[in-house]
């Protein structure tokens, strides 16, 4: 079994900051890319940020310059530092990891349960 557990969501005012964390646990051999997605009510889930095992990062245009993704490979944890938050950032944020449970496995995609981020105007 593999579990991804997010934390750090909450209510914040416009212009504020939050830091999300997502820790992966269970039978894990290696983790490739780790991602943050978000889904606002009535909208499709969208990719917010990606970090590879080597530390390369990419961001959705809507969050560039405001959000920073990072990871601690020793802890199997990915973070999302969110600054200058706007009401449009309000969504449920999901952690996703592409990982191998054993050496000869193909990568599997695993999801966390989501954490609510609400930005008030």
PDB file of N, CA and C in Angstrom:
ATOM      1  N   UNK A   1       0.829  -1.199   0.000  1.00  0.00           N
ATOM      2  CA  UNK A   1       0.000   0.000   0.000  1.00  0.00           C
ATOM      3  C   UNK A   1       0.866   1.253   0.000  1.00  0.00           C
ATOM      4  N   UNK A   2       0.374   2.281  -0.668  1.00  0.00           N
ATOM      5  CA  UNK A   2       1.023   3.591  -0.670  1.00  0.00           C
ATOM      6  C   UNK A   2      -0.017   4.624  -0.254  1.00  0.00           C
ATOM      7  N   UNK A   3       0.384   5.526   0.605  1.00  0.00           N
ATOM      8  CA  UNK A   3      -0.506   6.593   1.039  1.00  0.00           C
ATOM      9  C   UNK A   3       0.176   7.927   0.825  1.00  0.00           C
ATOM     10  N   UNK A   4      -0.593   8.899   0.314  1.00  0.00           N
ATOM     11  CA  UNK A   4      -0.141  10.283   0.218  1.00  0.00           C
ATOM     12  C   UNK A   4      -1.060  11.114   1.113  1.00  0.00           C
ATOM     13  N   UNK A   5      -0.462  11.820   2.042  1.00  0.00           N
ATOM     14  CA  UNK A   5      -1.244  12.601   2.995  1.00  0.00           C
ATOM     15  C   UNK A   5      -0.837  14.064   2.895  1.00  0.00           C
ATOM     16  N   UNK A   6      -1.816  14.905   2.534  1.00  0.00           N
ATOM     17  CA  UNK A   6      -1.577  16.346   2.416  1.00  0.00           C
ATOM     18  C   UNK A   6      -1.912  17.043   3.722  1.00  0.00           C
ATOM     19  N   UNK A   7      -1.283  18.181   3.928  1.00  0.00           N
ATOM     20  CA  UNK A   7      -1.593  19.040   5.065  1.00  0.00           C
ATOM     21  C   UNK A   7      -1.249  20.476   4.693  1.00  0.00           C
ATOM     22  N   UNK A   8      -1.765  21.406   5.490  1.00  0.00           N
ATOM     23  CA  UNK A   8      -1.389  22.804   5.322  1.00  0.00           C
ATOM     24  C   UNK A   8      -2.437  23.687   4.680  1.00  0.00           C
ATOM     25  N   UNK A   9      -3.548  23.121   4.252  1.00  0.00           N
ATOM     26  CA  UNK A   9      -4.592  23.961   3.679  1.00  0.00           C
ATOM     27  C   UNK A   9      -5.285  24.785   4.746  1.00  0.00           C
ATOM     28  N   UNK A  10      -6.158  25.690   4.288  1.00  0.00           N
ATOM     29  CA  UNK A  10      -6.891  26.506   5.235  1.00  0.00           C
ATOM     30  C   UNK A  10      -7.468  27.733   4.582  1.00  0.00           C
ATOM     31  N   UNK A  11      -7.876  28.676   5.424  1.00  0.00           N
ATOM     32  CA  UNK A  11      -8.467  29.935   4.985  1.00  0.00           C
ATOM     33  C   UNK A  11      -7.446  31.057   5.145  1.00  0.00           C
ATOM     34  N   UNK A  12      -7.282  31.841   4.103  1.00  0.00           N
ATOM     35  CA  UNK A  12      -6.327  32.943   4.144  1.00  0.00           C
ATOM     36  C   UNK A  12      -6.895  34.117   3.372  1.00  0.00           C
ATOM     37  N   UNK A  13      -6.485  35.313   3.719  1.00  0.00           N
ATOM     38  CA  UNK A  13      -6.940  36.501   3.006  1.00  0.00           C
ATOM     39  C   UNK A  13      -6.133  36.710   1.730  1.00  0.00           C
ATOM     40  N   UNK A  14      -6.697  37.478   0.811  1.00  0.00           N
ATOM     41  CA  UNK A  14      -5.993  37.835  -0.422  1.00  0.00           C
ATOM     42  C   UNK A  14      -4.642  38.447  -0.086  1.00  0.00           C
ATOM     43  N   UNK A  15      -3.626  37.956  -0.788  1.00  0.00           N
ATOM     44  CA  UNK A  15      -2.274  38.439  -0.545  1.00  0.00           C
ATOM     45  C   UNK A  15      -1.502  37.614   0.464  1.00  0.00           C
ATOM     46  N   UNK A  16      -2.173  36.717   1.137  1.00  0.00           N
ATOM     47  CA  UNK A  16      -1.532  35.895   2.150  1.00  0.00           C
ATOM     48  C   UNK A  16      -0.785  34.712   1.568  1.00  0.00           C
ATOM     49  N   UNK A  17      -0.244  33.892   2.476  1.00  0.00           N
ATOM     50  CA  UNK A  17       0.565  32.744   2.072  1.00  0.00           C
ATOM     51  C   UNK A  17       0.130  31.484   2.810  1.00  0.00           C
ATOM     52  N   UNK A  18       0.340  30.366   2.161  1.00  0.00           N
ATOM     53  CA  UNK A  18       0.151  29.054   2.771  1.00  0.00           C
ATOM     54  C   UNK A  18       1.228  28.131   2.223  1.00  0.00           C
ATOM     55  N   UNK A  19       1.576  27.130   3.019  1.00  0.00           N
ATOM     56  CA  UNK A  19       2.503  26.102   2.539  1.00  0.00           C
ATOM     57  C   UNK A  19       1.852  24.738   2.703  1.00  0.00           C
ATOM     58  N   UNK A  20       1.687  24.047   1.586  1.00  0.00           N
ATOM     59  CA  UNK A  20       1.138  22.705   1.602  1.00  0.00           C
ATOM     60  C   UNK A  20       2.266  21.682   1.654  1.00  0.00           C
ATOM     61  N   UNK A  21       1.987  20.581   2.335  1.00  0.00           N
ATOM     62  CA  UNK A  21       2.922  19.458   2.389  1.00  0.00           C
ATOM     63  C   UNK A  21       2.201  18.194   1.984  1.00  0.00           C
ATOM     64  N   UNK A  22       2.960  17.258   1.421  1.00  0.00           N
ATOM     65  CA  UNK A  22       2.393  15.964   1.057  1.00  0.00           C
ATOM     66  C   UNK A  22       3.464  14.907   1.290  1.00  0.00           C
ATOM     67  N   UNK A  23       3.182  13.996   2.194  1.00  0.00           N
ATOM     68  CA  UNK A  23       4.131  12.940   2.530  1.00  0.00           C
ATOM     69  C   UNK A  23       3.645  11.606   1.991  1.00  0.00           C
ATOM     70  N   UNK A  24       4.529  10.926   1.287  1.00  0.00           N
ATOM     71  CA  UNK A  24       4.217   9.597   0.760  1.00  0.00           C
ATOM     72  C   UNK A  24       4.787   8.545   1.701  1.00  0.00           C
ATOM     73  N   UNK A  25       4.011   7.510   1.961  1.00  0.00           N
ATOM     74  CA  UNK A  25       4.464   6.444   2.842  1.00  0.00           C
ATOM     75  C   UNK A  25       3.990   5.099   2.308  1.00  0.00           C
ATOM     76  N   UNK A  26       4.612   4.047   2.839  1.00  0.00           N
ATOM     77  CA  UNK A  26       4.252   2.710   2.395  1.00  0.00           C
ATOM     78  C   UNK A  26       5.414   2.045   1.698  1.00  0.00           C
ATOM     79  N   UNK A  27       5.107   1.065   0.871  1.00  0.00           N
ATOM     80  CA  UNK A  27       6.139   0.347   0.123  1.00  0.00           C
ATOM     81  C   UNK A  27       6.511   1.164  -1.106  1.00  0.00           C
ATOM     82  N   UNK A  28       7.642   1.851  -1.046  1.00  0.00           N
ATOM     83  CA  UNK A  28       8.080   2.744  -2.114  1.00  0.00           C
ATOM     84  C   UNK A  28       9.538   2.453  -2.434  1.00  0.00           C
ATOM     85  N   UNK A  29       9.827   2.145  -3.695  1.00  0.00           N
ATOM     86  CA  UNK A  29      11.220   1.967  -4.113  1.00  0.00           C
ATOM     87  C   UNK A  29      11.814   3.287  -4.575  1.00  0.00           C
ATOM     88  N   UNK A  30      11.085   4.005  -5.427  1.00  0.00           N
ATOM     89  CA  UNK A  30      11.563   5.304  -5.903  1.00  0.00           C
ATOM     90  C   UNK A  30      10.374   6.138  -6.342  1.00  0.00           C
ATOM     91  N   UNK A  31      10.554   7.453  -6.239  1.00  0.00           N
ATOM     92  CA  UNK A  31       9.521   8.390  -6.672  1.00  0.00           C
ATOM     93  C   UNK A  31      10.069   9.207  -7.826  1.00  0.00           C
ATOM     94  N   UNK A  32       9.335   9.257  -8.921  1.00  0.00           N
ATOM     95  CA  UNK A  32       9.741  10.045 -10.065  1.00  0.00           C
ATOM     96  C   UNK A  32       9.170  11.454  -9.896  1.00  0.00           C
ATOM     97  N   UNK A  33       8.289  11.868 -10.761  1.00  0.00           N
ATOM     98  CA  UNK A  33       7.737  13.221 -10.649  1.00  0.00           C
ATOM     99  C   UNK A  33       6.709  13.286  -9.524  1.00  0.00           C
ATOM    100  N   UNK A  34       6.666  14.435  -8.892  1.00  0.00           N
ATOM    101  CA  UNK A  34       5.631  14.733  -7.902  1.00  0.00           C
ATOM    102  C   UNK A  34       4.931  16.000  -8.359  1.00  0.00           C
ATOM    103  N   UNK A  35       3.623  16.025  -8.216  1.00  0.00           N
ATOM    104  CA  UNK A  35       2.816  17.100  -8.775  1.00  0.00           C
ATOM    105  C   UNK A  35       1.803  17.614  -7.762  1.00  0.00           C
ATOM    106  N   UNK A  36       1.430  18.865  -7.938  1.00  0.00           N
ATOM    107  CA  UNK A  36       0.272  19.430  -7.271  1.00  0.00           C
ATOM    108  C   UNK A  36      -0.770  19.786  -8.329  1.00  0.00           C
ATOM    109  N   UNK A  37      -1.985  19.337  -8.095  1.00  0.00           N
ATOM    110  CA  UNK A  37      -3.133  19.684  -8.913  1.00  0.00           C
ATOM    111  C   UNK A  37      -4.118  20.456  -8.035  1.00  0.00           C
ATOM    112  N   UNK A  38      -5.057  21.115  -8.674  1.00  0.00           N
ATOM    113  CA  UNK A  38      -6.144  21.740  -7.919  1.00  0.00           C
ATOM    114  C   UNK A  38      -7.446  21.637  -8.719  1.00  0.00           C
ATOM    115  N   UNK A  39      -8.529  21.663  -7.980  1.00  0.00           N
ATOM    116  CA  UNK A  39      -9.844  21.605  -8.607  1.00  0.00           C
ATOM    117  C   UNK A  39     -10.787  22.536  -7.876  1.00  0.00           C
ATOM    118  N   UNK A  40     -11.253  23.538  -8.603  1.00  0.00           N
ATOM    119  CA  UNK A  40     -12.232  24.475  -8.070  1.00  0.00           C
ATOM    120  C   UNK A  40     -13.636  23.965  -8.403  1.00  0.00           C
ATOM    121  N   UNK A  41     -14.640  24.391  -7.650  1.00  0.00           N
ATOM    122  CA  UNK A  41     -16.009  23.921  -7.898  1.00  0.00           C
ATOM    123  C   UNK A  41     -16.451  24.191  -9.335  1.00  0.00           C
ATOM    124  N   UNK A  42     -16.976  23.163  -9.987  1.00  0.00           N
ATOM    125  CA  UNK A  42     -17.475  23.313 -11.344  1.00  0.00           C
ATOM    126  C   UNK A  42     -16.428  23.292 -12.435  1.00  0.00           C
ATOM    127  N   UNK A  43     -15.163  23.163 -12.044  1.00  0.00           N
ATOM    128  CA  UNK A  43     -14.079  23.184 -13.026  1.00  0.00           C
ATOM    129  C   UNK A  43     -13.338  21.854 -13.027  1.00  0.00           C
ATOM    130  N   UNK A  44     -12.579  21.619 -14.101  1.00  0.00           N
ATOM    131  CA  UNK A  44     -11.776  20.406 -14.175  1.00  0.00           C
ATOM    132  C   UNK A  44     -10.523  20.544 -13.309  1.00  0.00           C
ATOM    133  N   UNK A  45     -10.015  19.396 -12.927  1.00  0.00           N
ATOM    134  CA  UNK A  45      -8.762  19.403 -12.175  1.00  0.00           C
ATOM    135  C   UNK A  45      -7.640  19.894 -13.091  1.00  0.00           C
ATOM    136  N   UNK A  46      -6.802  20.788 -12.566  1.00  0.00           N
ATOM    137  CA  UNK A  46      -5.715  21.335 -13.370  1.00  0.00           C
ATOM    138  C   UNK A  46      -4.376  21.132 -12.686  1.00  0.00           C
ATOM    139  N   UNK A  47      -3.338  20.951 -13.505  1.00  0.00           N
ATOM    140  CA  UNK A  47      -1.983  20.794 -12.999  1.00  0.00           C
ATOM    141  C   UNK A  47      -1.436  22.161 -12.602  1.00  0.00           C
ATOM    142  N   UNK A  48      -0.957  22.255 -11.383  1.00  0.00           N
ATOM    143  CA  UNK A  48      -0.434  23.517 -10.861  1.00  0.00           C
ATOM    144  C   UNK A  48       1.093  23.560 -10.951  1.00  0.00           C
ATOM    145  N   UNK A  49       1.751  22.496 -10.508  1.00  0.00           N
ATOM    146  CA  UNK A  49       3.220  22.495 -10.482  1.00  0.00           C
ATOM    147  C   UNK A  49       3.729  21.061 -10.484  1.00  0.00           C
ATOM    148  N   UNK A  50       4.922  20.894 -11.038  1.00  0.00           N
ATOM    149  CA  UNK A  50       5.579  19.598 -11.133  1.00  0.00           C
ATOM    150  C   UNK A  50       7.030  19.727 -10.707  1.00  0.00           C
ATOM    151  N   UNK A  51       7.533  18.705 -10.021  1.00  0.00           N
ATOM    152  CA  UNK A  51       8.960  18.640  -9.733  1.00  0.00           C
ATOM    153  C   UNK A  51       9.431  17.220 -10.022  1.00  0.00           C
ATOM    154  N   UNK A  52      10.516  17.111 -10.774  1.00  0.00           N
ATOM    155  CA  UNK A  52      11.058  15.798 -11.116  1.00  0.00           C
ATOM    156  C   UNK A  52      11.959  15.291  -9.990  1.00  0.00           C
ATOM    157  N   UNK A  53      12.393  14.059 -10.109  1.00  0.00           N
ATOM    158  CA  UNK A  53      13.283  13.498  -9.093  1.00  0.00           C
ATOM    159  C   UNK A  53      14.603  14.248  -9.042  1.00  0.00           C
ATOM    160  N   UNK A  54      14.985  14.868 -10.162  1.00  0.00           N
ATOM    161  CA  UNK A  54      16.215  15.639 -10.204  1.00  0.00           C
ATOM    162  C   UNK A  54      16.058  17.079  -9.773  1.00  0.00           C
ATOM    163  N   UNK A  55      14.841  17.488  -9.490  1.00  0.00           N
ATOM    164  CA  UNK A  55      14.611  18.831  -8.985  1.00  0.00           C
ATOM    165  C   UNK A  55      14.167  19.848 -10.019  1.00  0.00           C
ATOM    166  N   UNK A  56      13.975  19.433 -11.269  1.00  0.00           N
ATOM    167  CA  UNK A  56      13.462  20.368 -12.272  1.00  0.00           C
ATOM    168  C   UNK A  56      11.998  20.666 -11.983  1.00  0.00           C
ATOM    169  N   UNK A  57      11.612  21.918 -12.191  1.00  0.00           N
ATOM    170  CA  UNK A  57      10.259  22.343 -11.856  1.00  0.00           C
ATOM    171  C   UNK A  57       9.561  22.988 -13.047  1.00  0.00           C
ATOM    172  N   UNK A  58       8.248  22.927 -13.027  1.00  0.00           N
ATOM    173  CA  UNK A  58       7.436  23.638 -14.010  1.00  0.00           C
ATOM    174  C   UNK A  58       6.142  24.049 -13.340  1.00  0.00           C
ATOM    175  N   UNK A  59       5.531  25.119 -13.876  1.00  0.00           N
ATOM    176  CA  UNK A  59       4.359  25.716 -13.242  1.00  0.00           C
ATOM    177  C   UNK A  59       3.305  26.092 -14.276  1.00  0.00           C
ATOM    178  N   UNK A  60       2.059  26.092 -13.834  1.00  0.00           N
ATOM    179  CA  UNK A  60       0.996  26.673 -14.646  1.00  0.00           C
ATOM    180  C   UNK A  60       1.235  28.176 -14.731  1.00  0.00           C
ATOM    181  N   UNK A  61       0.866  28.760 -15.864  1.00  0.00           N
ATOM    182  CA  UNK A  61       1.084  30.194 -16.043  1.00  0.00           C
ATOM    183  C   UNK A  61       0.407  31.006 -14.947  1.00  0.00           C
ATOM    184  N   UNK A  62      -0.722  30.531 -14.473  1.00  0.00           N
ATOM    185  CA  UNK A  62      -1.506  31.295 -13.497  1.00  0.00           C
ATOM    186  C   UNK A  62      -0.824  31.402 -12.140  1.00  0.00           C
ATOM    187  N   UNK A  63       0.185  30.572 -11.873  1.00  0.00           N
ATOM    188  CA  UNK A  63       0.835  30.598 -10.554  1.00  0.00           C
ATOM    189  C   UNK A  63       2.319  30.933 -10.627  1.00  0.00           C
ATOM    190  N   UNK A  64       2.854  31.083 -11.834  1.00  0.00           N
ATOM    191  CA  UNK A  64       4.287  31.393 -11.971  1.00  0.00           C
ATOM    192  C   UNK A  64       4.628  32.666 -11.231  1.00  0.00           C
ATOM    193  N   UNK A  65       5.734  32.602 -10.497  1.00  0.00           N
ATOM    194  CA  UNK A  65       6.191  33.761  -9.738  1.00  0.00           C
ATOM    195  C   UNK A  65       5.546  33.890  -8.369  1.00  0.00           C
ATOM    196  N   UNK A  66       4.508  33.100  -8.100  1.00  0.00           N
ATOM    197  CA  UNK A  66       3.831  33.166  -6.808  1.00  0.00           C
ATOM    198  C   UNK A  66       3.959  31.858  -6.022  1.00  0.00           C
ATOM    199  N   UNK A  67       3.980  30.734  -6.726  1.00  0.00           N
ATOM    200  CA  UNK A  67       4.049  29.428  -6.081  1.00  0.00           C
ATOM    201  C   UNK A  67       5.435  28.814  -6.314  1.00  0.00           C
ATOM    202  N   UNK A  68       5.899  28.064  -5.326  1.00  0.00           N
ATOM    203  CA  UNK A  68       7.164  27.345  -5.452  1.00  0.00           C
ATOM    204  C   UNK A  68       6.979  25.907  -4.983  1.00  0.00           C
ATOM    205  N   UNK A  69       7.325  24.965  -5.849  1.00  0.00           N
ATOM    206  CA  UNK A  69       7.274  23.548  -5.497  1.00  0.00           C
ATOM    207  C   UNK A  69       8.674  23.087  -5.114  1.00  0.00           C
ATOM    208  N   UNK A  70       8.760  22.249  -4.098  1.00  0.00           N
ATOM    209  CA  UNK A  70      10.036  21.695  -3.673  1.00  0.00           C
ATOM    210  C   UNK A  70       9.790  20.297  -3.116  1.00  0.00           C
ATOM    211  N   UNK A  71      10.869  19.561  -2.906  1.00  0.00           N
ATOM    212  CA  UNK A  71      10.704  18.212  -2.365  1.00  0.00           C
ATOM    213  C   UNK A  71      11.894  17.849  -1.492  1.00  0.00           C
ATOM    214  N   UNK A  72      11.627  16.947  -0.559  1.00  0.00           N
ATOM    215  CA  UNK A  72      12.656  16.370   0.300  1.00  0.00           C
ATOM    216  C   UNK A  72      12.645  14.878   0.013  1.00  0.00           C
ATOM    217  N   UNK A  73      13.605  14.426  -0.782  1.00  0.00           N
ATOM    218  CA  UNK A  73      13.592  13.024  -1.206  1.00  0.00           C
ATOM    219  C   UNK A  73      13.808  12.064  -0.028  1.00  0.00           C
ATOM    220  N   UNK A  74      14.545  12.497   0.966  1.00  0.00           N
ATOM    221  CA  UNK A  74      14.786  11.637   2.127  1.00  0.00           C
ATOM    222  C   UNK A  74      13.498  11.378   2.902  1.00  0.00           C
ATOM    223  N   UNK A  75      12.574  12.329   2.810  1.00  0.00           N
ATOM    224  CA  UNK A  75      11.310  12.204   3.542  1.00  0.00           C
ATOM    225  C   UNK A  75      10.143  11.834   2.634  1.00  0.00           C
ATOM    226  N   UNK A  76      10.422  11.632   1.335  1.00  0.00           N
ATOM    227  CA  UNK A  76       9.341  11.349   0.367  1.00  0.00           C
ATOM    228  C   UNK A  76       8.229  12.388   0.470  1.00  0.00           C
ATOM    229  N   UNK A  77       8.623  13.631   0.561  1.00  0.00           N
ATOM    230  CA  UNK A  77       7.667  14.712   0.795  1.00  0.00           C
ATOM    231  C   UNK A  77       7.825  15.801  -0.261  1.00  0.00           C
ATOM    232  N   UNK A  78       6.690  16.318  -0.708  1.00  0.00           N
ATOM    233  CA  UNK A  78       6.680  17.442  -1.637  1.00  0.00           C
ATOM    234  C   UNK A  78       5.941  18.595  -0.976  1.00  0.00           C
ATOM    235  N   UNK A  79       6.379  19.812  -1.297  1.00  0.00           N
ATOM    236  CA  UNK A  79       5.811  21.011  -0.701  1.00  0.00           C
ATOM    237  C   UNK A  79       5.317  21.946  -1.805  1.00  0.00           C
ATOM    238  N   UNK A  80       4.378  22.803  -1.439  1.00  0.00           N
ATOM    239  CA  UNK A  80       3.952  23.874  -2.330  1.00  0.00           C
ATOM    240  C   UNK A  80       3.823  25.144  -1.505  1.00  0.00           C
ATOM    241  N   UNK A  81       4.774  26.040  -1.695  1.00  0.00           N
ATOM    242  CA  UNK A  81       4.719  27.345  -1.036  1.00  0.00           C
ATOM    243  C   UNK A  81       3.899  28.261  -1.922  1.00  0.00           C
ATOM    244  N   UNK A  82       2.830  28.804  -1.372  1.00  0.00           N
ATOM    245  CA  UNK A  82       1.917  29.649  -2.140  1.00  0.00           C
ATOM    246  C   UNK A  82       1.914  31.044  -1.541  1.00  0.00           C
ATOM    247  N   UNK A  83       2.365  32.017  -2.317  1.00  0.00           N
ATOM    248  CA  UNK A  83       2.415  33.412  -1.883  1.00  0.00           C
ATOM    249  C   UNK A  83       1.486  34.263  -2.738  1.00  0.00           C
ATOM    250  N   UNK A  84       1.206  35.452  -2.249  1.00  0.00           N
ATOM    251  CA  UNK A  84       0.354  36.397  -2.989  1.00  0.00           C
ATOM    252  C   UNK A  84      -0.928  35.717  -3.474  1.00  0.00           C
ATOM    253  N   UNK A  85      -1.573  35.025  -2.572  1.00  0.00           N
ATOM    254  CA  UNK A  85      -2.754  34.256  -2.935  1.00  0.00           C
ATOM    255  C   UNK A  85      -3.909  35.161  -3.358  1.00  0.00           C
ATOM    256  N   UNK A  86      -4.685  34.647  -4.306  1.00  0.00           N
ATOM    257  CA  UNK A  86      -5.829  35.363  -4.854  1.00  0.00           C
ATOM    258  C   UNK A  86      -7.092  34.511  -4.669  1.00  0.00           C
ATOM    259  N   UNK A  87      -8.268  35.140  -4.704  1.00  0.00           N
ATOM    260  CA  UNK A  87      -9.503  34.337  -4.601  1.00  0.00           C
ATOM    261  C   UNK A  87      -9.591  33.248  -5.676  1.00  0.00           C
ATOM    262  N   UNK A  88      -9.023  33.495  -6.866  1.00  0.00           N
ATOM    263  CA  UNK A  88      -9.046  32.491  -7.928  1.00  0.00           C
ATOM    264  C   UNK A  88      -8.220  31.248  -7.590  1.00  0.00           C
ATOM    265  N   UNK A  89      -7.392  31.323  -6.561  1.00  0.00           N
ATOM    266  CA  UNK A  89      -6.612  30.160  -6.131  1.00  0.00           C
ATOM    267  C   UNK A  89      -7.426  29.222  -5.250  1.00  0.00           C
ATOM    268  N   UNK A  90      -8.625  29.635  -4.883  1.00  0.00           N
ATOM    269  CA  UNK A  90      -9.481  28.807  -4.045  1.00  0.00           C
ATOM    270  C   UNK A  90      -9.815  27.505  -4.757  1.00  0.00           C
ATOM    271  N   UNK A  91      -9.514  26.389  -4.108  1.00  0.00           N
ATOM    272  CA  UNK A  91      -9.711  25.071  -4.723  1.00  0.00           C
ATOM    273  C   UNK A  91      -9.334  24.000  -3.705  1.00  0.00           C
ATOM    274  N   UNK A  92      -9.647  22.760  -4.048  1.00  0.00           N
ATOM    275  CA  UNK A  92      -9.074  21.624  -3.343  1.00  0.00           C
ATOM    276  C   UNK A  92      -7.767  21.271  -4.046  1.00  0.00           C
ATOM    277  N   UNK A  93      -6.706  21.209  -3.291  1.00  0.00           N
ATOM    278  CA  UNK A  93      -5.376  20.921  -3.837  1.00  0.00           C
ATOM    279  C   UNK A  93      -5.029  19.457  -3.572  1.00  0.00           C
ATOM    280  N   UNK A  94      -4.594  18.791  -4.637  1.00  0.00           N
ATOM    281  CA  UNK A  94      -4.280  17.363  -4.576  1.00  0.00           C
ATOM    282  C   UNK A  94      -2.803  17.133  -4.884  1.00  0.00           C
ATOM    283  N   UNK A  95      -2.211  16.268  -4.115  1.00  0.00           N
ATOM    284  CA  UNK A  95      -0.849  15.807  -4.361  1.00  0.00           C
ATOM    285  C   UNK A  95      -0.907  14.545  -5.228  1.00  0.00           C
ATOM    286  N   UNK A  96       0.032  14.436  -6.154  1.00  0.00           N
ATOM    287  CA  UNK A  96       0.125  13.265  -7.020  1.00  0.00           C
ATOM    288  C   UNK A  96       1.587  12.852  -7.139  1.00  0.00           C
ATOM    289  N   UNK A  97       1.832  11.559  -7.076  1.00  0.00           N
ATOM    290  CA  UNK A  97       3.207  11.068  -7.204  1.00  0.00           C
ATOM    291  C   UNK A  97       3.240   9.894  -8.176  1.00  0.00           C
ATOM    292  N   UNK A  98       4.246   9.895  -9.034  1.00  0.00           N
ATOM    293  CA  UNK A  98       4.502   8.770  -9.932  1.00  0.00           C
ATOM    294  C   UNK A  98       5.674   7.991  -9.351  1.00  0.00           C
ATOM    295  N   UNK A  99       5.413   6.769  -8.949  1.00  0.00           N
ATOM    296  CA  UNK A  99       6.442   6.055  -8.204  1.00  0.00           C
ATOM    297  C   UNK A  99       6.443   4.568  -8.512  1.00  0.00           C
ATOM    298  N   UNK A 100       7.571   3.942  -8.172  1.00  0.00           N
ATOM    299  CA  UNK A 100       7.704   2.488  -8.251  1.00  0.00           C
ATOM    300  C   UNK A 100       7.646   1.932  -6.831  1.00  0.00           C
ATOM    301  N   UNK A 101       6.857   0.905  -6.670  1.00  0.00           N
ATOM    302  CA  UNK A 101       6.802   0.271  -5.364  1.00  0.00           C
ATOM    303  C   UNK A 101       7.943  -0.733  -5.196  1.00  0.00           C
ATOM    304  N   UNK A 102       8.382  -1.293  -6.305  1.00  0.00           N
ATOM    305  CA  UNK A 102       9.489  -2.251  -6.280  1.00  0.00           C
ATOM    306  C   UNK A 102      10.369  -1.991  -7.490  1.00  0.00           C
ATOM    307  N   UNK A 103      11.584  -2.508  -7.482  1.00  0.00           N
ATOM    308  CA  UNK A 103      12.583  -2.190  -8.489  1.00  0.00           C
ATOM    309  C   UNK A 103      12.071  -2.409  -9.906  1.00  0.00           C
ATOM    310  N   UNK A 104      11.413  -3.522 -10.179  1.00  0.00           N
ATOM    311  CA  UNK A 104      11.044  -3.875 -11.550  1.00  0.00           C
ATOM    312  C   UNK A 104       9.607  -3.505 -11.897  1.00  0.00           C
ATOM    313  N   UNK A 105       8.963  -2.725 -11.039  1.00  0.00           N
ATOM    314  CA  UNK A 105       7.607  -2.259 -11.337  1.00  0.00           C
ATOM    315  C   UNK A 105       7.648  -1.127 -12.350  1.00  0.00           C
ATOM    316  N   UNK A 106       6.535  -0.956 -13.070  1.00  0.00           N
ATOM    317  CA  UNK A 106       6.322   0.266 -13.828  1.00  0.00           C
ATOM    318  C   UNK A 106       5.873   1.346 -12.845  1.00  0.00           C
ATOM    319  N   UNK A 107       6.019   2.601 -13.275  1.00  0.00           N
ATOM    320  CA  UNK A 107       5.532   3.692 -12.429  1.00  0.00           C
ATOM    321  C   UNK A 107       4.018   3.600 -12.264  1.00  0.00           C
ATOM    322  N   UNK A 108       3.564   3.812 -11.047  1.00  0.00           N
ATOM    323  CA  UNK A 108       2.146   3.942 -10.777  1.00  0.00           C
ATOM    324  C   UNK A 108       1.852   5.366 -10.343  1.00  0.00           C
ATOM    325  N   UNK A 109       0.630   5.804 -10.547  1.00  0.00           N
ATOM    326  CA  UNK A 109       0.223   7.162 -10.170  1.00  0.00           C
ATOM    327  C   UNK A 109      -0.666   7.095  -8.945  1.00  0.00           C
ATOM    328  N   UNK A 110      -0.271   7.836  -7.918  1.00  0.00           N
ATOM    329  CA  UNK A 110      -0.978   7.811  -6.643  1.00  0.00           C
ATOM    330  C   UNK A 110      -1.407   9.214  -6.274  1.00  0.00           C
ATOM    331  N   UNK A 111      -2.554   9.296  -5.587  1.00  0.00           N
ATOM    332  CA  UNK A 111      -3.151  10.576  -5.243  1.00  0.00           C
ATOM    333  C   UNK A 111      -3.400  10.697  -3.745  1.00  0.00           C
ATOM    334  N   UNK A 112      -3.273  11.915  -3.255  1.00  0.00           N
ATOM    335  CA  UNK A 112      -3.702  12.210  -1.909  1.00  0.00           C
ATOM    336  C   UNK A 112      -5.193  12.487  -1.874  1.00  0.00           C
ATOM    337  N   UNK A 113      -5.703  12.747  -0.671  1.00  0.00           N
ATOM    338  CA  UNK A 113      -7.141  12.920  -0.489  1.00  0.00           C
ATOM    339  C   UNK A 113      -7.585  14.360  -0.761  1.00  0.00           C
ATOM    340  N   UNK A 114      -6.629  15.269  -0.856  1.00  0.00           N
ATOM    341  CA  UNK A 114      -6.950  16.672  -1.121  1.00  0.00           C
ATOM    342  C   UNK A 114      -7.012  17.496   0.144  1.00  0.00           C
ATOM    343  N   UNK A 115      -6.661  18.759   0.004  1.00  0.00           N
ATOM    344  CA  UNK A 115      -6.758  19.701   1.113  1.00  0.00           C
ATOM    345  C   UNK A 115      -7.353  21.006   0.580  1.00  0.00           C
ATOM    346  N   UNK A 116      -8.281  21.555   1.328  1.00  0.00           N
ATOM    347  CA  UNK A 116      -9.005  22.755   0.867  1.00  0.00           C
ATOM    348  C   UNK A 116      -8.172  24.011   1.132  1.00  0.00           C
ATOM    349  N   UNK A 117      -8.072  24.838   0.106  1.00  0.00           N
ATOM    350  CA  UNK A 117      -7.477  26.170   0.236  1.00  0.00           C
ATOM    351  C   UNK A 117      -8.552  27.177  -0.155  1.00  0.00           C
ATOM    352  N   UNK A 118      -8.837  28.096   0.747  1.00  0.00           N
ATOM    353  CA  UNK A 118      -9.832  29.132   0.497  1.00  0.00           C
ATOM    354  C   UNK A 118      -9.186  30.493   0.699  1.00  0.00           C
ATOM    355  N   UNK A 119      -9.291  31.333  -0.323  1.00  0.00           N
ATOM    356  CA  UNK A 119      -8.720  32.676  -0.259  1.00  0.00           C
ATOM    357  C   UNK A 119      -9.877  33.668  -0.275  1.00  0.00           C
ATOM    358  N   UNK A 120      -9.985  34.423   0.787  1.00  0.00           N
ATOM    359  CA  UNK A 120     -11.082  35.382   0.894  1.00  0.00           C
ATOM    360  C   UNK A 120     -10.655  36.744   0.336  1.00  0.00           C
ATOM    361  N   UNK A 121     -11.620  37.448  -0.228  1.00  0.00           N
ATOM    362  CA  UNK A 121     -11.317  38.766  -0.823  1.00  0.00           C
ATOM    363  C   UNK A 121     -11.516  39.882   0.189  1.00  0.00           C
TER     364      UNK A 121
END
